N, C-alpha and C. Protein backbone atom coordinates (compact mmCIF):
# COMPACT_ATOMS: atom_id res chain seq x y z
N MET A 1 0.94 -1.20 -0.48
CA MET A 1 0.09 0.12 -0.09
C MET A 1 0.99 1.35 -0.15
N ARG A 2 2.08 0.77 0.46
CA ARG A 2 3.05 2.38 0.61
C ARG A 2 3.35 3.12 -0.21
N VAL A 3 3.56 1.67 -1.16
CA VAL A 3 3.69 1.93 -2.61
C VAL A 3 3.19 2.77 -3.46
N LEU A 4 1.90 2.38 -3.74
CA LEU A 4 0.82 2.75 -4.43
C LEU A 4 0.75 4.33 -3.98
N VAL A 5 0.32 4.43 -2.76
CA VAL A 5 0.53 5.75 -2.18
C VAL A 5 1.33 6.46 -2.66
N ARG A 6 2.95 6.28 -2.48
CA ARG A 6 4.31 6.79 -3.07
C ARG A 6 3.85 7.28 -4.65
N TYR A 7 3.48 6.18 -5.61
CA TYR A 7 3.00 6.74 -6.68
C TYR A 7 2.38 7.05 -7.09
N SER A 8 1.28 7.17 -6.49
CA SER A 8 0.46 7.95 -6.06
C SER A 8 0.49 9.18 -6.60
N ALA A 9 1.57 10.38 -5.06
CA ALA A 9 1.92 11.06 -4.90
C ALA A 9 2.54 11.83 -6.07
N SER A 10 3.81 10.50 -6.67
CA SER A 10 5.01 10.70 -7.58
C SER A 10 3.84 10.91 -8.92
N SER A 11 3.29 10.55 -8.88
CA SER A 11 1.77 11.03 -10.09
C SER A 11 1.76 11.93 -10.32
N VAL A 12 0.76 12.48 -9.16
CA VAL A 12 0.79 13.59 -8.95
C VAL A 12 1.26 15.11 -9.80
N VAL A 13 2.89 15.02 -9.11
CA VAL A 13 3.61 15.62 -9.41
C VAL A 13 3.82 15.87 -11.19
N ALA A 14 3.82 14.06 -11.72
CA ALA A 14 4.23 14.39 -13.38
C ALA A 14 3.11 15.08 -13.53
N THR A 15 2.36 14.47 -13.06
CA THR A 15 0.87 14.89 -14.02
C THR A 15 0.98 16.55 -13.71
N ALA A 16 0.78 17.27 -13.01
CA ALA A 16 0.61 18.54 -13.12
C ALA A 16 2.07 19.44 -13.69
N ILE A 17 3.92 18.82 -13.71
CA ILE A 17 3.86 19.24 -14.46
C ILE A 17 3.56 18.59 -16.35
N SER A 18 3.29 17.76 -16.50
CA SER A 18 2.56 17.96 -17.99
C SER A 18 1.84 18.33 -18.10
N GLN A 19 0.69 18.17 -16.91
CA GLN A 19 -0.90 19.08 -17.34
C GLN A 19 -0.19 20.49 -17.49
N LEU A 20 0.70 21.16 -16.92
CA LEU A 20 1.00 22.63 -16.87
C LEU A 20 1.43 23.23 -18.33
N VAL A 21 2.39 22.06 -19.18
CA VAL A 21 3.23 21.62 -20.73
C VAL A 21 2.15 21.63 -21.41
N PHE A 22 0.87 20.60 -21.64
CA PHE A 22 -0.15 20.45 -22.17
C PHE A 22 -0.74 21.98 -22.52
N PHE A 23 -1.13 22.77 -21.33
CA PHE A 23 -1.63 23.85 -21.72
C PHE A 23 -1.61 25.00 -22.57
N LEU A 24 -0.07 24.51 -21.99
CA LEU A 24 0.66 25.90 -22.71
C LEU A 24 1.59 25.80 -23.77
N CYS A 25 1.77 24.30 -24.59
CA CYS A 25 1.40 24.18 -25.98
C CYS A 25 0.31 24.36 -27.09
N TYR A 26 -0.81 23.61 -25.63
CA TYR A 26 -1.85 24.04 -26.97
C TYR A 26 -2.43 24.94 -27.18
N TRP A 27 -2.25 25.94 -25.94
CA TRP A 27 -3.15 27.52 -26.10
C TRP A 27 -2.05 28.19 -27.10
N ILE A 28 -0.59 27.62 -27.32
CA ILE A 28 0.26 28.39 -28.43
C ILE A 28 0.27 28.04 -29.50
N GLY A 29 -1.15 26.95 -29.89
CA GLY A 29 -1.54 26.41 -31.37
C GLY A 29 -0.71 25.21 -31.95
N THR A 30 -0.37 24.61 -30.89
CA THR A 30 0.28 23.18 -31.03
C THR A 30 -0.75 22.49 -31.32
N SER A 31 -0.91 21.36 -31.79
CA SER A 31 -1.67 20.37 -32.68
C SER A 31 -1.69 19.56 -31.00
N ALA A 32 -2.88 18.52 -30.50
CA ALA A 32 -3.71 18.23 -29.67
C ALA A 32 -2.66 17.25 -29.68
N THR A 33 -2.29 16.66 -31.03
CA THR A 33 -0.80 15.36 -30.77
C THR A 33 0.44 15.39 -29.84
N ALA A 34 1.25 16.79 -30.88
CA ALA A 34 1.66 17.44 -30.66
C ALA A 34 1.99 17.42 -28.60
N ALA A 35 1.31 18.40 -28.46
CA ALA A 35 1.05 18.65 -26.98
C ALA A 35 1.18 17.94 -26.02
N SER A 36 0.47 16.92 -26.60
CA SER A 36 0.19 15.23 -25.88
C SER A 36 1.69 14.68 -25.15
N VAL A 37 2.31 14.67 -26.71
CA VAL A 37 3.39 14.16 -26.48
C VAL A 37 4.52 15.00 -25.74
N ILE A 38 5.04 16.67 -26.10
CA ILE A 38 5.58 16.94 -25.26
C ILE A 38 5.43 17.11 -23.96
N ALA A 39 4.50 17.44 -23.69
CA ALA A 39 3.63 17.59 -22.22
C ALA A 39 4.58 15.75 -21.62
N PHE A 40 3.80 14.84 -22.00
CA PHE A 40 3.97 13.38 -21.23
C PHE A 40 6.40 13.99 -21.24
N ALA A 41 6.42 13.73 -22.66
CA ALA A 41 7.66 14.15 -22.32
C ALA A 41 8.13 14.62 -20.97
N ALA A 42 8.23 16.22 -20.91
CA ALA A 42 8.09 16.51 -19.39
C ALA A 42 7.78 16.18 -18.16
N GLY A 43 6.90 15.36 -18.31
CA GLY A 43 6.30 14.20 -16.93
C GLY A 43 6.86 13.72 -16.78
N ALA A 44 7.57 12.46 -17.84
CA ALA A 44 8.16 11.19 -17.55
C ALA A 44 9.52 11.20 -16.47
N ILE A 45 10.13 12.04 -17.21
CA ILE A 45 11.79 11.98 -16.64
C ILE A 45 11.13 11.62 -14.48
N PRO A 46 10.96 13.55 -14.31
CA PRO A 46 10.42 13.03 -12.58
C PRO A 46 10.00 12.04 -12.40
N ASN A 47 8.87 11.84 -13.26
CA ASN A 47 8.00 10.95 -12.58
C ASN A 47 9.40 9.46 -12.37
N TYR A 48 10.21 8.70 -13.42
CA TYR A 48 10.97 7.91 -13.28
C TYR A 48 11.72 8.30 -12.17
N LEU A 49 11.63 9.37 -11.85
CA LEU A 49 12.94 9.24 -10.85
C LEU A 49 12.47 9.31 -9.96
N LEU A 50 11.21 10.05 -9.44
CA LEU A 50 10.34 9.91 -8.23
C LEU A 50 9.51 8.32 -7.43
N ASN A 51 9.21 8.03 -8.89
CA ASN A 51 8.91 6.77 -8.74
C ASN A 51 10.33 5.63 -8.29
N ARG A 52 11.22 5.64 -8.54
CA ARG A 52 12.78 4.66 -9.01
C ARG A 52 13.25 5.30 -7.29
N ARG A 53 13.08 6.20 -7.24
CA ARG A 53 14.10 6.32 -5.66
C ARG A 53 12.98 6.43 -4.59
N TRP A 54 12.02 7.33 -4.70
CA TRP A 54 11.44 7.44 -3.30
C TRP A 54 9.96 6.42 -3.09
N ALA A 55 9.22 6.14 -4.43
CA ALA A 55 7.92 4.96 -4.03
C ALA A 55 8.65 3.61 -3.85
N TRP A 56 9.27 3.13 -5.26
CA TRP A 56 10.16 2.02 -4.96
C TRP A 56 11.36 1.32 -3.49
N GLY A 57 11.89 2.70 -3.99
CA GLY A 57 12.96 2.61 -2.98
C GLY A 57 14.06 2.63 -3.38
N ARG A 58 14.35 2.44 -4.66
CA ARG A 58 15.87 1.80 -5.22
C ARG A 58 16.71 2.97 -5.11
N THR A 59 18.20 2.38 -5.36
CA THR A 59 19.02 3.29 -5.67
C THR A 59 20.44 2.63 -6.13
N GLY A 60 21.36 3.49 -6.08
CA GLY A 60 22.41 2.76 -7.63
C GLY A 60 21.91 2.98 -8.75
N PRO A 61 23.27 2.80 -9.53
CA PRO A 61 22.42 2.30 -10.76
C PRO A 61 21.52 1.92 -11.56
N ALA A 62 20.45 1.95 -12.75
CA ALA A 62 19.72 1.51 -13.14
C ALA A 62 20.22 0.41 -14.51
N HIS A 63 19.93 -0.84 -13.64
CA HIS A 63 20.05 -2.08 -14.59
C HIS A 63 19.59 -1.84 -16.38
N PRO A 64 20.18 -1.50 -17.49
CA PRO A 64 19.56 -1.25 -18.76
C PRO A 64 18.91 -2.09 -18.65
N THR A 65 19.04 -3.39 -18.89
CA THR A 65 17.55 -4.11 -19.58
C THR A 65 16.22 -4.71 -18.52
N ARG A 66 16.76 -4.68 -17.07
CA ARG A 66 15.90 -5.31 -16.30
C ARG A 66 14.64 -4.03 -16.18
N GLU A 67 15.57 -2.72 -15.65
CA GLU A 67 14.89 -1.72 -15.46
C GLU A 67 14.71 -0.37 -16.27
N LEU A 68 15.79 -0.37 -16.96
CA LEU A 68 15.65 0.87 -18.10
C LEU A 68 14.54 1.03 -19.28
N LEU A 69 14.49 -0.49 -19.88
CA LEU A 69 14.61 -0.16 -21.05
C LEU A 69 12.51 -0.77 -21.01
N PRO A 70 11.97 -1.15 -19.98
CA PRO A 70 10.50 -1.51 -19.59
C PRO A 70 10.34 -0.69 -19.38
N TYR A 71 10.88 0.84 -18.71
CA TYR A 71 10.53 1.85 -18.04
C TYR A 71 9.96 2.77 -19.37
N VAL A 72 11.32 2.40 -20.13
CA VAL A 72 10.82 3.52 -21.60
C VAL A 72 9.70 2.75 -22.17
N LEU A 73 9.23 1.23 -22.49
CA LEU A 73 8.47 0.76 -23.93
C LEU A 73 7.45 1.00 -22.94
N ILE A 74 7.12 0.63 -21.58
CA ILE A 74 5.64 1.05 -20.92
C ILE A 74 5.40 2.82 -21.07
N THR A 75 6.27 3.80 -20.98
CA THR A 75 6.06 4.93 -20.98
C THR A 75 5.88 5.44 -22.61
N ILE A 76 6.77 4.76 -23.52
CA ILE A 76 6.72 4.51 -25.20
C ILE A 76 4.75 4.85 -25.09
N GLY A 77 4.48 3.28 -25.02
CA GLY A 77 3.37 2.53 -24.89
C GLY A 77 1.95 3.87 -24.08
N SER A 78 2.02 4.07 -22.90
CA SER A 78 1.04 5.20 -22.64
C SER A 78 1.41 6.08 -22.91
N ALA A 79 2.56 6.91 -23.83
CA ALA A 79 2.43 8.23 -24.56
C ALA A 79 1.52 7.91 -26.10
N PHE A 80 2.10 7.01 -26.68
CA PHE A 80 0.76 7.03 -27.93
C PHE A 80 -0.47 6.44 -27.35
N VAL A 81 -1.10 5.99 -26.18
CA VAL A 81 -2.35 5.81 -25.31
C VAL A 81 -2.74 7.15 -25.32
N ILE A 82 -2.55 7.87 -24.67
CA ILE A 82 -2.72 9.22 -23.73
C ILE A 82 -3.15 10.43 -25.26
N ALA A 83 -1.70 10.10 -25.89
CA ALA A 83 -1.75 10.91 -27.03
C ALA A 83 -3.12 10.82 -28.35
N PHE A 84 -3.01 9.60 -28.48
CA PHE A 84 -4.58 9.15 -29.12
C PHE A 84 -6.01 9.70 -29.03
N LEU A 85 -6.08 8.79 -27.09
CA LEU A 85 -7.19 10.02 -26.69
C LEU A 85 -7.23 10.52 -26.90
N THR A 86 -5.98 11.68 -26.48
CA THR A 86 -6.26 12.99 -26.44
C THR A 86 -6.86 13.64 -27.54
N THR A 87 -6.13 13.00 -28.99
CA THR A 87 -6.13 14.08 -30.15
C THR A 87 -7.56 13.53 -30.65
N VAL A 88 -8.40 11.92 -30.49
CA VAL A 88 -9.80 11.38 -30.32
C VAL A 88 -10.82 12.47 -29.95
N ALA A 89 -10.39 12.71 -28.33
CA ALA A 89 -10.92 13.97 -28.11
C ALA A 89 -11.31 15.61 -28.77
N ASP A 90 -9.94 15.74 -28.88
CA ASP A 90 -9.46 17.08 -29.70
C ASP A 90 -10.45 17.22 -30.41
N ASP A 91 -10.61 16.33 -31.78
CA ASP A 91 -11.23 15.97 -33.23
C ASP A 91 -12.92 16.48 -32.73
N TRP A 92 -13.01 16.22 -31.61
CA TRP A 92 -14.25 15.98 -31.22
C TRP A 92 -14.95 17.39 -31.48
N ILE A 93 -13.74 17.55 -30.22
CA ILE A 93 -13.81 18.95 -29.97
C ILE A 93 -14.41 20.07 -29.84
N ARG A 94 -13.33 19.87 -31.40
CA ARG A 94 -13.10 21.00 -32.64
C ARG A 94 -14.74 21.26 -33.66
N THR A 95 -15.34 19.43 -33.43
CA THR A 95 -16.50 20.05 -34.80
C THR A 95 -17.90 21.10 -33.52
N MET A 96 -17.31 21.30 -32.22
CA MET A 96 -18.17 21.10 -31.15
C MET A 96 -18.36 22.66 -30.74
N ILE A 97 -17.11 22.77 -30.27
CA ILE A 97 -16.86 24.13 -29.51
C ILE A 97 -15.53 24.97 -30.25
N ASP A 98 -16.05 26.52 -30.74
CA ASP A 98 -15.23 27.56 -31.72
C ASP A 98 -14.22 28.09 -30.35
N ALA A 99 -14.78 28.73 -29.35
CA ALA A 99 -13.97 29.33 -28.31
C ALA A 99 -12.49 28.66 -28.42
N HIS A 100 -11.10 29.30 -28.73
CA HIS A 100 -10.27 28.85 -28.09
C HIS A 100 -9.99 28.31 -26.41
N SER A 101 -10.57 29.46 -25.87
CA SER A 101 -9.87 29.19 -24.76
C SER A 101 -10.74 28.12 -23.83
N LEU A 102 -11.46 28.09 -24.70
CA LEU A 102 -13.01 26.57 -23.99
C LEU A 102 -12.04 25.04 -24.75
N ARG A 103 -11.99 25.37 -26.15
CA ARG A 103 -11.30 24.41 -26.43
C ARG A 103 -10.41 23.58 -25.40
N THR A 104 -9.13 24.62 -25.03
CA THR A 104 -7.75 24.46 -24.40
C THR A 104 -8.36 24.05 -22.74
N VAL A 105 -9.90 24.31 -22.29
CA VAL A 105 -9.63 23.74 -20.94
C VAL A 105 -10.22 22.55 -21.16
N LEU A 106 -11.14 21.90 -22.32
CA LEU A 106 -11.87 21.03 -23.20
C LEU A 106 -10.96 19.63 -23.46
N ALA A 107 -9.98 20.07 -23.83
CA ALA A 107 -8.99 19.46 -24.52
C ALA A 107 -7.87 18.59 -22.90
N GLY A 108 -7.77 20.14 -22.29
CA GLY A 108 -6.63 19.66 -21.12
C GLY A 108 -6.64 18.68 -20.76
N GLY A 109 -8.83 18.46 -20.15
CA GLY A 109 -9.27 17.85 -19.56
C GLY A 109 -9.06 16.28 -19.97
N ALA A 110 -9.32 16.21 -21.43
CA ALA A 110 -9.07 15.09 -22.60
C ALA A 110 -7.68 14.54 -21.51
N TYR A 111 -7.00 15.29 -21.98
CA TYR A 111 -5.74 15.22 -21.89
C TYR A 111 -5.12 14.36 -20.27
N LEU A 112 -5.50 15.12 -19.28
CA LEU A 112 -6.07 14.46 -17.97
C LEU A 112 -6.93 12.89 -17.54
N ALA A 113 -7.63 13.33 -18.25
CA ALA A 113 -8.67 11.71 -18.54
C ALA A 113 -7.24 10.88 -19.24
N ALA A 114 -6.54 11.03 -19.74
CA ALA A 114 -6.34 9.86 -20.93
C ALA A 114 -4.59 9.30 -20.30
N ASN A 115 -4.12 10.16 -19.46
CA ASN A 115 -3.29 10.31 -18.17
C ASN A 115 -3.98 9.25 -16.79
N GLY A 116 -4.96 9.76 -16.54
CA GLY A 116 -5.67 8.47 -15.42
C GLY A 116 -6.21 7.48 -15.89
N PHE A 117 -6.29 7.12 -17.30
CA PHE A 117 -6.66 5.86 -17.87
C PHE A 117 -5.75 5.22 -18.08
N THR A 118 -4.78 5.20 -17.79
CA THR A 118 -3.27 4.87 -17.71
C THR A 118 -2.57 4.12 -16.60
N PHE A 119 -3.06 5.13 -15.47
CA PHE A 119 -2.24 5.18 -14.35
C PHE A 119 -2.52 3.81 -13.17
N ILE A 120 -3.18 2.51 -13.24
CA ILE A 120 -3.12 2.17 -12.67
C ILE A 120 -2.77 0.12 -13.66
N LEU A 121 -2.70 0.79 -15.08
CA LEU A 121 -2.50 -0.08 -15.92
C LEU A 121 -0.30 0.00 -15.66
N LYS A 122 -0.21 0.85 -15.41
CA LYS A 122 1.59 1.31 -15.25
C LYS A 122 1.76 0.85 -13.99
N PHE A 123 1.12 1.34 -13.27
CA PHE A 123 1.28 1.05 -11.68
C PHE A 123 1.82 -0.48 -11.63
N VAL A 124 0.76 -1.41 -12.16
CA VAL A 124 1.03 -3.06 -12.03
C VAL A 124 2.20 -3.02 -13.33
N LEU A 125 2.54 -2.75 -14.42
CA LEU A 125 3.90 -2.87 -14.62
C LEU A 125 4.69 -2.25 -14.16
N PHE A 126 4.98 -1.42 -13.83
CA PHE A 126 6.17 -0.82 -13.18
C PHE A 126 6.68 -1.94 -11.74
N ASP A 127 5.26 -2.02 -10.98
CA ASP A 127 6.05 -2.88 -9.63
C ASP A 127 6.04 -4.49 -10.05
N ARG A 128 5.36 -5.05 -11.10
CA ARG A 128 5.61 -6.56 -11.43
C ARG A 128 6.83 -6.56 -12.32
N TYR A 129 6.82 -5.55 -13.70
CA TYR A 129 8.39 -5.80 -14.28
C TYR A 129 9.48 -5.00 -14.23
N VAL A 130 8.99 -3.81 -14.07
CA VAL A 130 10.02 -2.58 -13.91
C VAL A 130 11.10 -2.32 -12.55
N PHE A 131 10.46 -2.13 -11.49
CA PHE A 131 11.27 -2.19 -10.25
C PHE A 131 11.06 -3.39 -8.99
N ALA A 132 10.73 -4.73 -9.85
CA ALA A 132 10.23 -5.75 -9.08
C ALA A 132 11.52 -6.41 -8.07
N THR A 133 11.51 -6.95 -7.83
CA THR A 133 12.83 -7.25 -7.54
C THR A 133 13.30 -8.38 -8.37
N PRO A 134 14.59 -8.49 -9.06
CA PRO A 134 14.87 -9.75 -9.34
C PRO A 134 14.46 -11.16 -8.38
N ALA A 135 14.06 -12.02 -9.14
CA ALA A 135 13.89 -13.68 -8.30
C ALA A 135 15.29 -13.67 -7.90
N ALA A 136 16.77 -13.82 -8.27
CA ALA A 136 18.20 -13.79 -7.82
C ALA A 136 18.78 -13.17 -7.10
N ASP A 137 17.98 -12.04 -6.59
CA ASP A 137 17.81 -11.22 -5.21
C ASP A 137 16.85 -11.35 -3.90
N VAL A 138 16.09 -12.34 -4.27
CA VAL A 138 15.35 -12.70 -3.52
C VAL A 138 16.07 -13.79 -2.29
N GLU A 139 15.94 -13.11 -1.44
CA GLU A 139 16.60 -14.13 -0.44
C GLU A 139 15.03 -15.38 -0.10
N VAL A 140 15.08 -16.47 -0.47
CA VAL A 140 14.43 -17.45 -0.06
C VAL A 140 14.48 -18.17 1.41
N ARG A 141 13.29 -17.93 2.22
CA ARG A 141 13.45 -17.98 3.44
C ARG A 141 12.90 -19.82 3.55
N THR A 142 13.18 -21.03 3.79
CA THR A 142 12.34 -22.31 3.94
C THR A 142 12.38 -22.35 5.81
N PRO A 143 12.06 -23.50 6.04
CA PRO A 143 11.96 -23.39 7.11
C PRO A 143 13.20 -23.56 8.39
N ALA A 144 14.17 -24.16 7.71
CA ALA A 144 15.76 -24.05 8.01
C ALA A 144 16.00 -22.42 8.01
N THR A 145 15.61 -21.55 7.89
CA THR A 145 16.69 -20.39 7.58
C THR A 145 15.80 -19.44 8.72
N ARG A 146 14.84 -19.93 9.06
CA ARG A 146 13.93 -18.70 9.38
C ARG A 146 14.38 -18.74 11.07
């Protein structure tokens, strides 16, 4: 439960950064797709650092194939899903709303909702595959070693 709470807090920080970047990019006229990708990238690095160190308590260098590669793949997959969902929502919003300020708020809400959609899935994948303790590093306790 502690890890989930810390993951959630880390996600709030990363999402706040990401959301601000999305609003700024979209407001100046960047497409919803590009704004989503730029915003996601802005939040991904602090999210990784906070999750690794604070939520899962990992220190020292990251293992390239057991930690970094899965994190990058999950992150890229999430970015595609979020950009897709935000772009679909934005296309729909543009058919209904003419006011740029209202479109910005609604597209930002779609971006936030898309992030929420991936939240639990990313937690499970991070917990099981990215930051999981490798089986070789887990001490096996038998009745004789207790």
